Amino acid sequence: MTVIAHEPQPGGLGAVITGVNLTQPLNKQVISEIKQILWKFHLVIFRDQKITPDQQIRFGKYFGPVVKHPYIRGLEGYPEIMVVEKKRPINIILRVLGTQIRVTRKYPLWRRYCMHAKFLPRI
C-alpha cells in the first residue's frame, strides 16, 4: 500500500507530494488522493522524479485525454509533449504535457498541464 503525504507551499504555490513514484503505474486510490490535493491546491509538485516521456504521458492520462498543442511542434517521437527552454541568462528546461478535463456543462473544458522540469535553478 502506498502512503502519500503532502505539504502546502508558502504563498499559495501548490503542495509538494511525497511517497509517490511516478516511474511506476499508480493505483486508483493514489490517483484519487493526488486529484484531491490538486483540486485543493491547484498545483502539485513531485520532487526528484526522473521520468521518461512515456511515463509522463501515462501520468497525464490519469487526469484526462492527452492532447498535443495545435501550433507548437512536440518533442520528437512524442507530439503531445512540448519542450519549453530558456537558455540565457539561466537555463530552464521543461517538458509540458497538456491534458483536458471535462468539468461541468457550464464550463465544459478545462486544461491541465503536467510539467517535468529537467533543470530549474535555485532561487
Protein backbone atom coordinates (compact mmCIF):
# COMPACT_ATOMS: atom_id res chain seq x y z
CA MET A 1 0.00 0.00 0.00
CA THR A 2 1.34 3.40 -1.00
CA VAL A 3 1.18 6.11 1.66
CA ILE A 4 1.37 9.60 0.24
CA ALA A 5 1.77 12.87 2.07
CA HIS A 6 1.60 16.49 1.00
CA GLU A 7 2.97 19.77 2.30
CA PRO A 8 1.43 23.11 1.28
CA GLN A 9 3.97 25.58 -0.08
CA PRO A 10 4.36 29.18 1.11
CA GLY A 11 2.47 31.86 -0.77
CA GLY A 12 -0.19 29.51 -2.06
CA LEU A 13 2.20 27.92 -4.58
CA GLY A 14 0.65 24.46 -4.52
CA ALA A 15 1.72 21.46 -2.48
CA VAL A 16 4.66 19.07 -2.58
CA ILE A 17 3.56 15.43 -2.70
CA THR A 18 5.84 12.72 -1.33
CA GLY A 19 5.55 8.94 -1.24
CA VAL A 20 4.73 8.58 -4.94
CA ASN A 21 7.00 7.01 -7.56
CA LEU A 22 5.95 8.39 -10.96
CA THR A 23 8.11 5.86 -12.82
CA GLN A 24 5.58 3.15 -11.87
CA PRO A 25 1.85 2.86 -12.67
CA LEU A 26 -0.31 4.25 -9.86
CA ASN A 27 -3.33 2.55 -8.29
CA LYS A 28 -6.78 4.16 -8.19
CA GLN A 29 -6.50 5.16 -4.52
CA VAL A 30 -3.24 7.06 -5.07
CA ILE A 31 -4.61 8.75 -8.19
CA SER A 32 -7.70 9.79 -6.24
CA GLU A 33 -5.57 11.26 -3.42
CA ILE A 34 -3.42 13.17 -5.92
CA LYS A 35 -6.56 14.56 -7.61
CA GLN A 36 -7.95 15.72 -4.26
CA ILE A 37 -4.70 17.51 -3.45
CA LEU A 38 -4.60 19.03 -6.95
CA TRP A 39 -8.18 20.37 -6.64
CA LYS A 40 -7.39 21.86 -3.24
CA PHE A 41 -4.01 23.46 -4.07
CA HIS A 42 -4.26 23.80 -7.92
CA LEU A 43 -0.59 22.82 -8.31
CA VAL A 44 1.17 19.66 -7.18
CA ILE A 45 4.92 19.16 -7.13
CA PHE A 46 6.76 15.84 -7.11
CA ARG A 47 10.44 16.42 -6.34
CA ASP A 48 13.35 14.31 -7.60
CA GLN A 49 11.35 12.28 -10.13
CA LYS A 50 13.37 11.17 -13.15
CA ILE A 51 10.61 10.15 -15.54
CA THR A 52 10.69 9.31 -19.23
CA PRO A 53 8.34 10.88 -21.80
CA ASP A 54 6.29 7.65 -21.79
CA GLN A 55 5.94 7.81 -18.00
CA GLN A 56 4.96 11.49 -18.20
CA ILE A 57 2.24 10.67 -20.74
CA ARG A 58 0.96 7.79 -18.59
CA PHE A 59 0.77 10.13 -15.57
CA GLY A 60 -1.04 12.80 -17.60
CA LYS A 61 -3.67 10.28 -18.75
CA TYR A 62 -4.76 9.79 -15.12
CA PHE A 63 -6.28 13.29 -15.39
CA GLY A 64 -7.89 13.11 -18.81
CA PRO A 65 -7.09 12.67 -22.50
CA VAL A 66 -3.63 13.81 -23.51
CA VAL A 67 -3.64 16.36 -26.33
CA LYS A 68 -0.97 17.90 -28.48
CA HIS A 69 -0.69 21.66 -28.89
CA PRO A 70 -2.24 22.77 -32.18
CA TYR A 71 0.59 25.18 -33.12
CA ILE A 72 3.74 24.08 -31.31
CA ARG A 73 5.77 21.11 -32.51
CA GLY A 74 6.16 18.48 -29.81
CA LEU A 75 9.16 16.55 -28.60
CA GLU A 76 10.50 14.25 -31.32
CA GLY A 77 8.55 10.98 -31.11
CA TYR A 78 6.16 12.49 -28.56
CA PRO A 79 3.99 15.13 -30.27
CA GLU A 80 1.94 15.55 -27.05
CA ILE A 81 4.95 16.91 -25.15
CA MET A 82 6.13 20.49 -25.71
CA VAL A 83 9.64 21.48 -24.70
CA VAL A 84 9.93 24.92 -23.11
CA GLU A 85 13.54 26.03 -22.96
CA LYS A 86 15.24 29.29 -21.97
CA LYS A 87 19.00 29.27 -22.24
CA ARG A 88 20.07 32.71 -21.01
CA PRO A 89 20.64 34.23 -18.53
CA ILE A 90 19.72 30.96 -16.75
CA ASN A 91 18.89 27.51 -18.04
CA ILE A 92 15.30 26.35 -17.61
CA ILE A 93 14.08 23.26 -19.43
CA LEU A 94 10.52 21.93 -19.05
CA ARG A 95 8.64 19.15 -20.77
CA VAL A 96 4.98 20.14 -20.85
CA LEU A 97 2.11 17.72 -21.42
CA GLY A 98 -1.42 19.07 -21.89
CA THR A 99 -4.48 17.19 -20.72
CA GLN A 100 -8.11 18.18 -20.99
CA ILE A 101 -10.68 17.53 -18.28
CA ARG A 102 -14.46 17.79 -18.66
CA VAL A 103 -15.76 19.51 -15.54
CA THR A 104 -19.40 20.62 -15.91
CA ARG A 105 -21.82 21.63 -18.63
CA LYS A 106 -21.30 25.30 -17.84
CA TYR A 107 -17.50 25.01 -18.03
CA PRO A 108 -17.10 22.07 -20.41
CA LEU A 109 -13.36 22.01 -20.83
CA TRP A 110 -10.50 22.80 -18.50
CA ARG A 111 -6.90 22.31 -19.36
CA ARG A 112 -4.26 20.93 -17.02
CA TYR A 113 -0.55 20.69 -17.64
CA CYS A 114 1.86 18.05 -16.47
CA MET A 115 5.31 19.65 -16.45
CA HIS A 116 8.55 17.79 -15.94
CA ALA A 117 11.38 20.16 -15.07
CA LYS A 118 14.67 18.76 -16.32
CA PHE A 119 16.58 21.64 -14.75
CA LEU A 120 15.46 24.53 -12.60
CA PRO A 121 17.91 26.96 -10.98
CA ARG A 122 17.82 27.56 -7.24
CA ILE A 123 16.08 30.78 -6.29
